[in-house]
C-alpha atoms as a PDB file:
ATOM      1  CA  UNK A   1      10.212   8.247   4.359  1.00  0.00           C
ATOM      2  CA  UNK A   2      12.579   9.289   1.429  1.00  0.00           C
ATOM      3  CA  UNK A   3      10.560   6.865  -0.921  1.00  0.00           C
ATOM      4  CA  UNK A   4       7.191   8.369   0.238  1.00  0.00           C
ATOM      5  CA  UNK A   5       8.614  11.884  -0.400  1.00  0.00           C
ATOM      6  CA  UNK A   6       9.525  11.084  -3.905  1.00  0.00           C
ATOM      7  CA  UNK A   7       6.209   9.513  -4.641  1.00  0.00           C
ATOM      8  CA  UNK A   8       4.214  12.467  -3.014  1.00  0.00           C
ATOM      9  CA  UNK A   9       6.199  15.102  -5.037  1.00  0.00           C
ATOM     10  CA  UNK A  10       5.208  13.307  -8.328  1.00  0.00           C
ATOM     11  CA  UNK A  11       8.997  13.101  -9.124  1.00  0.00           C
ATOM     12  CA  UNK A  12       8.532   9.432 -10.303  1.00  0.00           C
ATOM     13  CA  UNK A  13       6.813   8.383 -13.635  1.00  0.00           C
ATOM     14  CA  UNK A  14       3.285   6.999 -13.183  1.00  0.00           C
ATOM     15  CA  UNK A  15       4.442   3.555 -14.560  1.00  0.00           C
ATOM     16  CA  UNK A  16       6.763   3.143 -11.452  1.00  0.00           C
ATOM     17  CA  UNK A  17       4.492   4.796  -8.867  1.00  0.00           C
ATOM     18  CA  UNK A  18       2.681   1.828  -7.588  1.00  0.00           C
ATOM     19  CA  UNK A  19       5.770  -0.366  -7.480  1.00  0.00           C
ATOM     20  CA  UNK A  20       7.888   2.384  -5.435  1.00  0.00           C
ATOM     21  CA  UNK A  21       4.784   3.034  -3.084  1.00  0.00           C
ATOM     22  CA  UNK A  22       4.532  -0.738  -2.294  1.00  0.00           C
ATOM     23  CA  UNK A  23       8.237  -1.042  -1.603  1.00  0.00           C
ATOM     24  CA  UNK A  24       7.951   1.954   0.736  1.00  0.00           C
ATOM     25  CA  UNK A  25       4.992   0.582   2.594  1.00  0.00           C
ATOM     26  CA  UNK A  26       6.803  -2.777   3.017  1.00  0.00           C
ATOM     27  CA  UNK A  27       9.779  -1.131   4.235  1.00  0.00           C
ATOM     28  CA  UNK A  28       7.726   0.816   6.848  1.00  0.00           C
ATOM     29  CA  UNK A  29       5.942  -2.236   7.998  1.00  0.00           C
ATOM     30  CA  UNK A  30       8.998  -4.481   8.220  1.00  0.00           C
ATOM     31  CA  UNK A  31      10.843  -1.684  10.161  1.00  0.00           C
ATOM     32  CA  UNK A  32       8.138  -1.119  12.714  1.00  0.00           C
ATOM     33  CA  UNK A  33       7.708  -5.000  13.124  1.00  0.00           C
ATOM     34  CA  UNK A  34      11.437  -5.216  14.059  1.00  0.00           C
ATOM     35  CA  UNK A  35      11.231  -1.871  16.333  1.00  0.00           C
ATOM     36  CA  UNK A  36       8.144  -2.158  18.201  1.00  0.00           C
ATOM     37  CA  UNK A  37       8.635  -5.561  20.171  1.00  0.00           C
ATOM     38  CA  UNK A  38      12.012  -4.273  21.471  1.00  0.00           C
ATOM     39  CA  UNK A  39      12.062  -0.707  22.057  1.00  0.00           C
ATOM     40  CA  UNK A  40      10.158  -0.836  25.221  1.00  0.00           C
ATOM     41  CA  UNK A  41      12.309  -3.532  26.667  1.00  0.00           C
ATOM     42  CA  UNK A  42      15.348  -1.362  25.689  1.00  0.00           C
ATOM     43  CA  UNK A  43      13.932   1.684  27.454  1.00  0.00           C
ATOM     44  CA  UNK A  44      13.549  -0.513  30.694  1.00  0.00           C
ATOM     45  CA  UNK A  45      17.063  -1.580  30.413  1.00  0.00           C
ATOM     46  CA  UNK A  46      18.265   2.087  30.184  1.00  0.00           C
ATOM     47  CA  UNK A  47      16.258   2.922  33.307  1.00  0.00           C
ATOM     48  CA  UNK A  48      17.490  -0.010  35.131  1.00  0.00           C
ATOM     49  CA  UNK A  49      21.213   0.897  34.400  1.00  0.00           C
ATOM     50  CA  UNK A  50      20.595   4.327  36.107  1.00  0.00           C
ATOM     51  CA  UNK A  51      19.242   2.875  39.356  1.00  0.00           C
ATOM     52  CA  UNK A  52      21.458   3.615  42.286  1.00  0.00           C
ATOM     53  CA  UNK A  53      21.506   0.166  43.607  1.00  0.00           C
ATOM     54  CA  UNK A  54      22.232  -2.281  40.748  1.00  0.00           C
ATOM     55  CA  UNK A  55      21.855  -5.406  42.849  1.00  0.00           C
ATOM     56  CA  UNK A  56      18.487  -4.493  44.327  1.00  0.00           C
ATOM     57  CA  UNK A  57      16.644  -2.853  41.551  1.00  0.00           C
ATOM     58  CA  UNK A  58      13.182  -1.483  42.469  1.00  0.00           C
ATOM     59  CA  UNK A  59      11.007  -2.858  39.772  1.00  0.00           C
ATOM     60  CA  UNK A  60       7.949  -0.739  40.663  1.00  0.00           C
ATOM     61  CA  UNK A  61      10.021   2.342  40.324  1.00  0.00           C
ATOM     62  CA  UNK A  62      11.408   1.416  37.038  1.00  0.00           C
ATOM     63  CA  UNK A  63       8.102   0.459  35.660  1.00  0.00           C
ATOM     64  CA  UNK A  64       6.461   3.844  36.799  1.00  0.00           C
ATOM     65  CA  UNK A  65       9.352   5.757  35.222  1.00  0.00           C
ATOM     66  CA  UNK A  66       8.942   3.779  31.982  1.00  0.00           C
ATOM     67  CA  UNK A  67       5.204   4.461  31.832  1.00  0.00           C
ATOM     68  CA  UNK A  68       5.934   8.209  32.383  1.00  0.00           C
ATOM     69  CA  UNK A  69       8.477   8.457  29.594  1.00  0.00           C
ATOM     70  CA  UNK A  70       6.253   6.366  27.265  1.00  0.00           C
ATOM     71  CA  UNK A  71       3.192   8.432  27.854  1.00  0.00           C
ATOM     72  CA  UNK A  72       5.210  11.666  27.516  1.00  0.00           C
ATOM     73  CA  UNK A  73       6.466  10.421  24.147  1.00  0.00           C
ATOM     74  CA  UNK A  74       2.884   9.325  22.957  1.00  0.00           C
ATOM     75  CA  UNK A  75       1.564  12.726  23.860  1.00  0.00           C
ATOM     76  CA  UNK A  76       4.213  14.932  22.476  1.00  0.00           C
ATOM     77  CA  UNK A  77       4.179  12.877  19.210  1.00  0.00           C
ATOM     78  CA  UNK A  78       0.368  13.072  18.970  1.00  0.00           C
ATOM     79  CA  UNK A  79       0.502  16.865  19.565  1.00  0.00           C
ATOM     80  CA  UNK A  80       3.324  17.156  16.905  1.00  0.00           C
ATOM     81  CA  UNK A  81       1.386  15.012  14.417  1.00  0.00           C
ATOM     82  CA  UNK A  82      -1.778  17.021  14.905  1.00  0.00           C
ATOM     83  CA  UNK A  83       0.186  20.139  13.473  1.00  0.00           C
ATOM     84  CA  UNK A  84       0.921  18.222  10.154  1.00  0.00           C
ATOM     85  CA  UNK A  85      -2.640  18.142   9.060  1.00  0.00           C
ATOM     86  CA  UNK A  86      -2.279  21.511   7.201  1.00  0.00           C
ATOM     87  CA  UNK A  87       0.889  20.490   5.539  1.00  0.00           C
ATOM     88  CA  UNK A  88       1.323  18.736   2.122  1.00  0.00           C
ATOM     89  CA  UNK A  89       2.242  15.023   1.873  1.00  0.00           C
ATOM     90  CA  UNK A  90       5.714  15.845   0.834  1.00  0.00           C
ATOM     91  CA  UNK A  91       6.275  18.216   3.866  1.00  0.00           C
ATOM     92  CA  UNK A  92       4.732  15.642   6.079  1.00  0.00           C
ATOM     93  CA  UNK A  93       7.182  12.910   4.937  1.00  0.00           C
ATOM     94  CA  UNK A  94      10.145  15.370   5.292  1.00  0.00           C
ATOM     95  CA  UNK A  95       9.118  16.164   8.851  1.00  0.00           C
ATOM     96  CA  UNK A  96       8.678  12.381   9.693  1.00  0.00           C
ATOM     97  CA  UNK A  97      12.015  11.482   8.069  1.00  0.00           C
ATOM     98  CA  UNK A  98      13.797  14.300   9.899  1.00  0.00           C
ATOM     99  CA  UNK A  99      12.323  13.151  13.318  1.00  0.00           C
ATOM    100  CA  UNK A 100      13.326   9.487  12.674  1.00  0.00           C
ATOM    101  CA  UNK A 101      16.748  10.602  11.667  1.00  0.00           C
ATOM    102  CA  UNK A 102      17.137  12.767  14.947  1.00  0.00           C
ATOM    103  CA  UNK A 103      15.710   9.614  16.886  1.00  0.00           C
ATOM    104  CA  UNK A 104      18.176   7.352  15.388  1.00  0.00           C
ATOM    105  CA  UNK A 105      21.032   9.624  16.230  1.00  0.00           C
ATOM    106  CA  UNK A 106      19.949  10.006  19.817  1.00  0.00           C
ATOM    107  CA  UNK A 107      19.609   6.227  20.057  1.00  0.00           C
ATOM    108  CA  UNK A 108      23.183   5.577  18.915  1.00  0.00           C
ATOM    109  CA  UNK A 109      24.433   8.219  21.217  1.00  0.00           C
ATOM    110  CA  UNK A 110      22.484   6.999  24.349  1.00  0.00           C
ATOM    111  CA  UNK A 111      22.917   3.261  23.751  1.00  0.00           C
ATOM    112  CA  UNK A 112      26.699   2.968  24.553  1.00  0.00           C
ATOM    113  CA  UNK A 113      26.861   4.157  28.278  1.00  0.00           C
ATOM    114  CA  UNK A 114      23.762   2.258  28.953  1.00  0.00           C
ATOM    115  CA  UNK A 115      25.607  -1.073  28.811  1.00  0.00           C
ATOM    116  CA  UNK A 116      28.743  -2.335  30.505  1.00  0.00           C
ATOM    117  CA  UNK A 117      30.674  -5.322  29.287  1.00  0.00           C
ATOM    118  CA  UNK A 118      31.322  -7.959  31.920  1.00  0.00           C
ATOM    119  CA  UNK A 119      33.874 -10.630  31.548  1.00  0.00           C
ATOM    120  CA  UNK A 120      32.403 -14.071  31.164  1.00  0.00           C
ATOM    121  CA  UNK A 121      33.405 -17.598  29.599  1.00  0.00           C
ATOM    122  CA  UNK A 122      30.663 -17.157  27.140  1.00  0.00           C
ATOM    123  CA  UNK A 123      31.608 -13.766  25.899  1.00  0.00           C
ATOM    124  CA  UNK A 124      35.182 -14.739  25.380  1.00  0.00           C
ATOM    125  CA  UNK A 125      34.320 -17.553  22.828  1.00  0.00           C
ATOM    126  CA  UNK A 126      32.451 -16.563  19.745  1.00  0.00           C
ATOM    127  CA  UNK A 127      30.008 -18.928  18.152  1.00  0.00           C
ATOM    128  CA  UNK A 128      29.223 -20.746  21.284  1.00  0.00           C
ATOM    129  CA  UNK A 129      25.938 -22.369  20.102  1.00  0.00           C
ATOM    130  CA  UNK A 130      27.712 -23.643  16.909  1.00  0.00           C
ATOM    131  CA  UNK A 131      30.586 -25.167  19.048  1.00  0.00           C
ATOM    132  CA  UNK A 132      28.118 -26.932  21.195  1.00  0.00           C
ATOM    133  CA  UNK A 133      26.159 -28.297  18.445  1.00  0.00           C
ATOM    134  CA  UNK A 134      29.438 -29.531  16.632  1.00  0.00           C
ATOM    135  CA  UNK A 135      30.800 -31.147  19.862  1.00  0.00           C
ATOM    136  CA  UNK A 136      27.297 -32.827  20.641  1.00  0.00           C
ATOM    137  CA  UNK A 137      27.277 -34.228  17.066  1.00  0.00           C
ATOM    138  CA  UNK A 138      30.963 -35.676  17.418  1.00  0.00           C
ATOM    139  CA  UNK A 139      29.861 -37.493  20.758  1.00  0.00           C
ATOM    140  CA  UNK A 140      26.386 -38.430  19.710  1.00  0.00           C
ATOM    141  CA  UNK A 141      27.064 -42.171  20.113  1.00  0.00           C
ATOM    142  CA  UNK A 142      28.340 -41.835  23.644  1.00  0.00           C
ATOM    143  CA  UNK A 143      26.307 -43.066  26.555  1.00  0.00           C
ATOM    144  CA  UNK A 144      24.832 -40.551  29.005  1.00  0.00           C
ATOM    145  CA  UNK A 145      26.963 -40.259  32.028  1.00  0.00           C
ATOM    146  CA  UNK A 146      25.963 -41.678  35.483  1.00  0.00           C
ATOM    147  CA  UNK A 147      27.945 -39.129  37.491  1.00  0.00           C
ATOM    148  CA  UNK A 148      28.361 -35.447  37.312  1.00  0.00           C
ATOM    149  CA  UNK A 149      32.084 -35.966  37.434  1.00  0.00           C
ATOM    150  CA  UNK A 150      32.053 -36.818  33.727  1.00  0.00           C
ATOM    151  CA  UNK A 151      30.956 -33.222  32.879  1.00  0.00           C
ATOM    152  CA  UNK A 152      33.618 -30.690  32.166  1.00  0.00           C
ATOM    153  CA  UNK A 153      33.724 -27.876  34.684  1.00  0.00           C
ATOM    154  CA  UNK A 154      30.598 -29.091  36.601  1.00  0.00           C
ATOM    155  CA  UNK A 155      29.345 -27.058  39.446  1.00  0.00           C
ATOM    156  CA  UNK A 156      26.954 -28.491  42.158  1.00  0.00           C
ATOM    157  CA  UNK A 157      24.492 -25.667  41.186  1.00  0.00           C
ATOM    158  CA  UNK A 158      24.346 -26.569  37.644  1.00  0.00           C
ATOM    159  CA  UNK A 159      21.825 -29.497  38.299  1.00  0.00           C
ATOM    160  CA  UNK A 160      20.120 -31.227  41.266  1.00  0.00           C
ATOM    161  CA  UNK A 161      21.160 -34.759  40.479  1.00  0.00           C
ATOM    162  CA  UNK A 162      23.846 -34.577  37.713  1.00  0.00           C
ATOM    163  CA  UNK A 163      21.829 -36.578  35.246  1.00  0.00           C
ATOM    164  CA  UNK A 164      20.637 -33.965  33.008  1.00  0.00           C
ATOM    165  CA  UNK A 165      21.848 -30.352  32.778  1.00  0.00           C
ATOM    166  CA  UNK A 166      19.401 -27.484  33.307  1.00  0.00           C
ATOM    167  CA  UNK A 167      17.327 -26.295  31.535  1.00  0.00           C
ATOM    168  CA  UNK A 168      15.775 -29.755  31.075  1.00  0.00           C
ATOM    169  CA  UNK A 169      14.018 -30.377  27.687  1.00  0.00           C
ATOM    170  CA  UNK A 170      13.629 -33.693  26.022  1.00  0.00           C
ATOM    171  CA  UNK A 171      14.422 -32.466  22.509  1.00  0.00           C
ATOM    172  CA  UNK A 172      17.760 -30.687  23.805  1.00  0.00           C
ATOM    173  CA  UNK A 173      18.929 -33.340  26.141  1.00  0.00           C
ATOM    174  CA  UNK A 174      21.501 -34.572  23.528  1.00  0.00           C
ATOM    175  CA  UNK A 175      23.332 -31.369  23.646  1.00  0.00           C
ATOM    176  CA  UNK A 176      24.480 -32.360  27.107  1.00  0.00           C
ATOM    177  CA  UNK A 177      26.932 -34.701  25.440  1.00  0.00           C
ATOM    178  CA  UNK A 178      29.022 -31.619  24.375  1.00  0.00           C
ATOM    179  CA  UNK A 179      30.079 -31.364  27.969  1.00  0.00           C
ATOM    180  CA  UNK A 180      31.011 -35.046  28.501  1.00  0.00           C
ATOM    181  CA  UNK A 181      34.859 -35.625  29.075  1.00  0.00           C
ATOM    182  CA  UNK A 182      36.293 -38.325  26.890  1.00  0.00           C
ATOM    183  CA  UNK A 183      38.527 -40.071  29.363  1.00  0.00           C
ATOM    184  CA  UNK A 184      39.727 -42.704  26.992  1.00  0.00           C
ATOM    185  CA  UNK A 185      41.067 -40.062  24.565  1.00  0.00           C
ATOM    186  CA  UNK A 186      44.781 -39.336  24.339  1.00  0.00           C
ATOM    187  CA  UNK A 187      44.031 -35.688  24.343  1.00  0.00           C
ATOM    188  CA  UNK A 188      43.719 -33.739  27.595  1.00  0.00           C
ATOM    189  CA  UNK A 189      40.787 -31.877  28.573  1.00  0.00           C
ATOM    190  CA  UNK A 190      41.995 -28.482  27.581  1.00  0.00           C
ATOM    191  CA  UNK A 191      43.177 -30.039  24.079  1.00  0.00           C
ATOM    192  CA  UNK A 192      39.817 -31.600  23.779  1.00  0.00           C
ATOM    193  CA  UNK A 193      38.290 -28.172  24.234  1.00  0.00           C
ATOM    194  CA  UNK A 194      40.678 -26.474  21.844  1.00  0.00           C
ATOM    195  CA  UNK A 195      39.985 -29.122  19.200  1.00  0.00           C
ATOM    196  CA  UNK A 196      36.206 -28.454  19.399  1.00  0.00           C
ATOM    197  CA  UNK A 197      35.298 -31.637  21.037  1.00  0.00           C
ATOM    198  CA  UNK A 198      34.580 -30.425  24.508  1.00  0.00           C
ATOM    199  CA  UNK A 199      32.441 -27.482  25.913  1.00  0.00           C
ATOM    200  CA  UNK A 200      31.805 -26.413  29.383  1.00  0.00           C
ATOM    201  CA  UNK A 201      28.616 -27.132  31.330  1.00  0.00           C
ATOM    202  CA  UNK A 202      27.854 -23.310  31.296  1.00  0.00           C
ATOM    203  CA  UNK A 203      28.206 -23.160  27.499  1.00  0.00           C
ATOM    204  CA  UNK A 204      25.797 -26.119  27.070  1.00  0.00           C
ATOM    205  CA  UNK A 205      23.325 -24.454  29.590  1.00  0.00           C
ATOM    206  CA  UNK A 206      23.477 -21.053  27.795  1.00  0.00           C
ATOM    207  CA  UNK A 207      22.918 -22.853  24.487  1.00  0.00           C
ATOM    208  CA  UNK A 208      19.959 -24.756  25.812  1.00  0.00           C
ATOM    209  CA  UNK A 209      18.372 -21.602  27.291  1.00  0.00           C
ATOM    210  CA  UNK A 210      18.745 -19.735  23.924  1.00  0.00           C
ATOM    211  CA  UNK A 211      17.119 -22.635  21.953  1.00  0.00           C
ATOM    212  CA  UNK A 212      14.246 -22.764  24.519  1.00  0.00           C
ATOM    213  CA  UNK A 213      13.434 -19.194  23.883  1.00  0.00           C
ATOM    214  CA  UNK A 214      13.338 -19.456  20.069  1.00  0.00           C
ATOM    215  CA  UNK A 215       9.581 -20.478  20.060  1.00  0.00           C
ATOM    216  CA  UNK A 216       8.593 -17.568  22.282  1.00  0.00           C
ATOM    217  CA  UNK A 217      10.887 -15.160  20.389  1.00  0.00           C
ATOM    218  CA  UNK A 218       9.504 -16.042  17.039  1.00  0.00           C
ATOM    219  CA  UNK A 219       6.019 -14.774  18.100  1.00  0.00           C
ATOM    220  CA  UNK A 220       7.521 -11.310  18.646  1.00  0.00           C
ATOM    221  CA  UNK A 221       8.308 -10.541  14.984  1.00  0.00           C
ATOM    222  CA  UNK A 222       4.724 -12.028  14.104  1.00  0.00           C
ATOM    223  CA  UNK A 223       3.149  -9.661  16.447  1.00  0.00           C
ATOM    224  CA  UNK A 224       5.177  -6.651  15.379  1.00  0.00           C
ATOM    225  CA  UNK A 225       4.351  -7.286  11.777  1.00  0.00           C
ATOM    226  CA  UNK A 226       0.616  -7.398  12.323  1.00  0.00           C
ATOM    227  CA  UNK A 227       0.723  -4.257  14.506  1.00  0.00           C
ATOM    228  CA  UNK A 228       2.847  -2.370  12.000  1.00  0.00           C
ATOM    229  CA  UNK A 229       0.908  -3.536   9.012  1.00  0.00           C
ATOM    230  CA  UNK A 230      -2.220  -2.487  10.812  1.00  0.00           C
ATOM    231  CA  UNK A 231      -0.994   1.023  11.725  1.00  0.00           C
ATOM    232  CA  UNK A 232       0.214   1.358   8.165  1.00  0.00           C
ATOM    233  CA  UNK A 233      -2.598   0.070   5.964  1.00  0.00           C
ATOM    234  CA  UNK A 234      -5.469   0.767   8.029  1.00  0.00           C
ATOM    235  CA  UNK A 235      -4.835   4.366   7.554  1.00  0.00           C
ATOM    236  CA  UNK A 236      -4.461   3.689   3.861  1.00  0.00           C
ATOM    237  CA  UNK A 237      -7.904   2.192   3.800  1.00  0.00           C
ATOM    238  CA  UNK A 238      -9.493   5.273   5.210  1.00  0.00           C
ATOM    239  CA  UNK A 239      -7.793   7.495   2.795  1.00  0.00           C
ATOM    240  CA  UNK A 240     -10.703   7.147   0.064  1.00  0.00           C
ATOM    241  CA  UNK A 241     -13.606   6.732   2.478  1.00  0.00           C
ATOM    242  CA  UNK A 242     -16.217   9.120   3.635  1.00  0.00           C
ATOM    243  CA  UNK A 243     -15.404  11.517   6.427  1.00  0.00           C
ATOM    244  CA  UNK A 244     -11.752  10.632   6.313  1.00  0.00           C
ATOM    245  CA  UNK A 245     -10.948  13.564   8.650  1.00  0.00           C
ATOM    246  CA  UNK A 246     -12.441  11.416  11.436  1.00  0.00           C
ATOM    247  CA  UNK A 247      -9.516   9.016  11.227  1.00  0.00           C
ATOM    248  CA  UNK A 248      -8.031  10.624  14.218  1.00  0.00           C
ATOM    249  CA  UNK A 249     -10.919   9.268  16.295  1.00  0.00           C
ATOM    250  CA  UNK A 250     -10.260   5.745  15.256  1.00  0.00           C
ATOM    251  CA  UNK A 251      -6.579   6.086  16.240  1.00  0.00           C
ATOM    252  CA  UNK A 252      -7.646   7.438  19.707  1.00  0.00           C
ATOM    253  CA  UNK A 253      -9.926   4.405  19.922  1.00  0.00           C
ATOM    254  CA  UNK A 254      -7.126   2.149  19.252  1.00  0.00           C
ATOM    255  CA  UNK A 255      -5.087   3.906  21.864  1.00  0.00           C
ATOM    256  CA  UNK A 256      -7.677   3.887  24.605  1.00  0.00           C
ATOM    257  CA  UNK A 257      -8.352   0.243  24.025  1.00  0.00           C
ATOM    258  CA  UNK A 258      -4.673  -0.662  24.306  1.00  0.00           C
ATOM    259  CA  UNK A 259      -4.313   1.406  27.569  1.00  0.00           C
ATOM    260  CA  UNK A 260      -7.457  -0.191  29.086  1.00  0.00           C
ATOM    261  CA  UNK A 261      -6.573  -3.586  28.106  1.00  0.00           C
ATOM    262  CA  UNK A 262      -3.030  -3.385  29.331  1.00  0.00           C
ATOM    263  CA  UNK A 263      -4.322  -2.283  32.741  1.00  0.00           C
ATOM    264  CA  UNK A 264      -7.558  -4.289  33.484  1.00  0.00           C
ATOM    265  CA  UNK A 265      -6.529  -7.860  32.371  1.00  0.00           C
ATOM    266  CA  UNK A 266      -3.653  -8.278  34.964  1.00  0.00           C
ATOM    267  CA  UNK A 267      -6.000  -7.196  37.763  1.00  0.00           C
ATOM    268  CA  UNK A 268      -8.821  -9.457  36.537  1.00  0.00           C
ATOM    269  CA  UNK A 269      -6.517 -12.443  36.094  1.00  0.00           C
ATOM    270  CA  UNK A 270      -4.996 -12.197  39.590  1.00  0.00           C
ATOM    271  CA  UNK A 271      -8.628 -12.073  40.952  1.00  0.00           C
ATOM    272  CA  UNK A 272     -10.148 -14.859  38.857  1.00  0.00           C
ATOM    273  CA  UNK A 273      -7.003 -17.069  38.958  1.00  0.00           C
ATOM    274  CA  UNK A 274      -5.403 -16.425  42.351  1.00  0.00           C
ATOM    275  CA  UNK A 275      -3.435 -19.669  42.306  1.00  0.00           C
ATOM    276  CA  UNK A 276      -1.954 -19.208  38.902  1.00  0.00           C
ATOM    277  CA  UNK A 277       1.605 -18.060  38.858  1.00  0.00           C
ATOM    278  CA  UNK A 278       2.621 -14.824  37.508  1.00  0.00           C
ATOM    279  CA  UNK A 279       4.460 -16.448  34.577  1.00  0.00           C
ATOM    280  CA  UNK A 280       1.388 -18.526  33.562  1.00  0.00           C
ATOM    281  CA  UNK A 281      -0.828 -15.282  33.666  1.00  0.00           C
ATOM    282  CA  UNK A 282       1.604 -13.558  31.270  1.00  0.00           C
ATOM    283  CA  UNK A 283       1.470 -16.653  28.991  1.00  0.00           C
ATOM    284  CA  UNK A 284      -2.439 -16.303  29.191  1.00  0.00           C
ATOM    285  CA  UNK A 285      -2.094 -12.599  28.044  1.00  0.00           C
ATOM    286  CA  UNK A 286       0.338 -13.791  25.120  1.00  0.00           C
ATOM    287  CA  UNK A 287      -2.264 -16.314  23.971  1.00  0.00           C
ATOM    288  CA  UNK A 288      -5.062 -13.630  24.088  1.00  0.00           C
ATOM    289  CA  UNK A 289      -2.927 -11.250  22.102  1.00  0.00           C
ATOM    290  CA  UNK A 290      -2.119 -13.777  19.503  1.00  0.00           C
ATOM    291  CA  UNK A 291      -5.891 -14.790  19.297  1.00  0.00           C
ATOM    292  CA  UNK A 292      -6.698 -10.972  18.820  1.00  0.00           C
ATOM    293  CA  UNK A 293      -4.149 -10.675  16.130  1.00  0.00           C
ATOM    294  CA  UNK A 294      -5.816 -13.496  14.207  1.00  0.00           C
ATOM    295  CA  UNK A 295      -9.258 -11.972  14.772  1.00  0.00           C
ATOM    296  CA  UNK A 296      -8.113  -8.586  13.840  1.00  0.00           C
ATOM    297  CA  UNK A 297      -6.617  -9.791  10.562  1.00  0.00           C
ATOM    298  CA  UNK A 298     -10.031 -11.655   9.709  1.00  0.00           C
ATOM    299  CA  UNK A 299     -12.048  -8.676  10.397  1.00  0.00           C
ATOM    300  CA  UNK A 300      -9.774  -6.496   8.271  1.00  0.00           C
ATOM    301  CA  UNK A 301      -9.952  -8.946   5.525  1.00  0.00           C
ATOM    302  CA  UNK A 302     -13.784  -8.908   5.531  1.00  0.00           C
ATOM    303  CA  UNK A 303     -13.999  -5.118   5.624  1.00  0.00           C
ATOM    304  CA  UNK A 304     -11.421  -4.890   2.759  1.00  0.00           C
ATOM    305  CA  UNK A 305     -13.494  -7.262   0.751  1.00  0.00           C
ATOM    306  CA  UNK A 306     -16.638  -5.168   1.346  1.00  0.00           C
ATOM    307  CA  UNK A 307     -14.699  -1.936   0.401  1.00  0.00           C
ATOM    308  CA  UNK A 308     -13.495  -3.633  -2.909  1.00  0.00           C
ATOM    309  CA  UNK A 309     -16.994  -4.816  -3.867  1.00  0.00           C
ATOM    310  CA  UNK A 310     -18.196  -1.117  -3.389  1.00  0.00           C
ATOM    311  CA  UNK A 311     -15.410   0.073  -5.520  1.00  0.00           C
ATOM    312  CA  UNK A 312     -16.353  -2.500  -8.186  1.00  0.00           C
ATOM    313  CA  UNK A 313     -19.949  -1.810  -8.142  1.00  0.00           C
ATOM    314  CA  UNK A 314     -19.466   2.113  -8.302  1.00  0.00           C
ATOM    315  CA  UNK A 315     -16.533   1.771 -10.752  1.00  0.00           C
ATOM    316  CA  UNK A 316     -14.476   3.913  -8.615  1.00  0.00           C
ATOM    317  CA  UNK A 317     -10.856   4.148  -9.641  1.00  0.00           C
ATOM    318  CA  UNK A 318      -7.926   4.858  -7.252  1.00  0.00           C
ATOM    319  CA  UNK A 319      -6.389   6.804 -10.119  1.00  0.00           C
ATOM    320  CA  UNK A 320      -9.098   9.320 -10.064  1.00  0.00           C
ATOM    321  CA  UNK A 321      -9.028   9.754  -6.270  1.00  0.00           C
ATOM    322  CA  UNK A 322     -12.658   9.193  -6.116  1.00  0.00           C
ATOM    323  CA  UNK A 323     -14.216   9.040  -2.750  1.00  0.00           C
ATOM    324  CA  UNK A 324     -15.728   5.607  -2.028  1.00  0.00           C
ATOM    325  CA  UNK A 325     -19.278   5.593  -0.699  1.00  0.00           C
ATOM    326  CA  UNK A 326     -18.452   3.765   2.483  1.00  0.00           C
ATOM    327  CA  UNK A 327     -18.428   5.122   6.022  1.00  0.00           C
ATOM    328  CA  UNK A 328     -15.031   5.260   7.629  1.00  0.00           C
ATOM    329  CA  UNK A 329     -16.661   3.760  10.759  1.00  0.00           C
ATOM    330  CA  UNK A 330     -16.477   0.342   9.053  1.00  0.00           C
ATOM    331  CA  UNK A 331     -12.929   0.312  10.216  1.00  0.00           C
ATOM    332  CA  UNK A 332     -13.726   0.803  13.875  1.00  0.00           C
ATOM    333  CA  UNK A 333     -13.732  -2.863  14.650  1.00  0.00           C
ATOM    334  CA  UNK A 334     -10.317  -3.499  13.284  1.00  0.00           C
ATOM    335  CA  UNK A 335      -8.889  -0.594  14.899  1.00  0.00           C
ATOM    336  CA  UNK A 336     -10.299  -1.651  18.258  1.00  0.00           C
ATOM    337  CA  UNK A 337      -9.022  -5.060  18.008  1.00  0.00           C
ATOM    338  CA  UNK A 338      -5.635  -3.942  17.104  1.00  0.00           C
ATOM    339  CA  UNK A 339      -5.571  -1.855  20.234  1.00  0.00           C
ATOM    340  CA  UNK A 340      -6.784  -4.883  22.207  1.00  0.00           C
ATOM    341  CA  UNK A 341      -3.941  -6.875  20.816  1.00  0.00           C
ATOM    342  CA  UNK A 342      -1.417  -4.403  21.524  1.00  0.00           C
ATOM    343  CA  UNK A 343      -2.574  -4.058  25.173  1.00  0.00           C
ATOM    344  CA  UNK A 344      -2.662  -7.721  25.649  1.00  0.00           C
ATOM    345  CA  UNK A 345       0.821  -7.967  24.307  1.00  0.00           C
ATOM    346  CA  UNK A 346       2.147  -5.372  26.735  1.00  0.00           C
ATOM    347  CA  UNK A 347       5.207  -6.885  28.814  1.00  0.00           C
ATOM    348  CA  UNK A 348       6.051  -9.698  26.280  1.00  0.00           C
ATOM    349  CA  UNK A 349       9.480  -8.319  25.670  1.00  0.00           C
ATOM    350  CA  UNK A 350      10.338  -7.647  29.309  1.00  0.00           C
ATOM    351  CA  UNK A 351       9.341 -11.270  30.142  1.00  0.00           C
ATOM    352  CA  UNK A 352      11.435 -12.518  27.254  1.00  0.00           C
ATOM    353  CA  UNK A 353      14.513 -10.760  28.319  1.00  0.00           C
ATOM    354  CA  UNK A 354      14.023 -11.776  32.013  1.00  0.00           C
END
């Protein structure tokens, strides 16, 4: 916001205007990409921490409270943003930057009491994943054990037959060797652990769970980047088109599409596929959201190509701030698809954290 405030106030020379503006847009897009996928899950965790019974959390009540707060934030921010249309760009950026600064302070202030540290074996030892990898590499030539007694601190609940530790994954099975006790070694079990040659079964399982979540987690930044880029650059596209004052209706179209799609598909999926598990239905929504992200990007690319052709044919120059003879409604499909993508992706992070 500080960069945009400088560019809008004409405080920078014209030779550096484009470079600084692009840097500001990239920072906004990347910042939103890192924020959007996780802020809703963080809100859910905060609400869960205030439940009276921490052992039996009522998920429906938490979801209802989350939606109420989320809609309140959306409505209040929309009403506040509507008042900024009469302000200059510099004043708008000052207001936006101030609100973001206040939100950051409130976030830092409210994040501490919402989480309570619990003592665990994993928390006491930093770099657990690195330790597991190193121990497994050192014992990569060892045979897989035939008895759970060969595992360090094995519990009967850690696996059903003791031949492979949960979670089971073919590519990660070799990590189980980090928990195999070297009985022929002159070192005791505790000394093997201190030497980095032995890890507990719990540490190995935690590492495997984290690695299994990496492919799913990698889709969150991609989705967030597409969403933030759309919210940032789609409005920039509309700035030089005819009837640019109607941009608010395209934003409303995006919001309505997001709300409808986030509500209707879960009901339809449970009706059309009654025997499909809840997790698989969520995976179907994730697939649909990623598909919509590709379709939205393709449509936006075609529309931008059409806009640039009109600019070239009419010799319109962005430095003269000439209105391009192209209707703003050309942007309606990409705004709609962006809303559908957002609606389909609702609940990703909650499933990821669970």
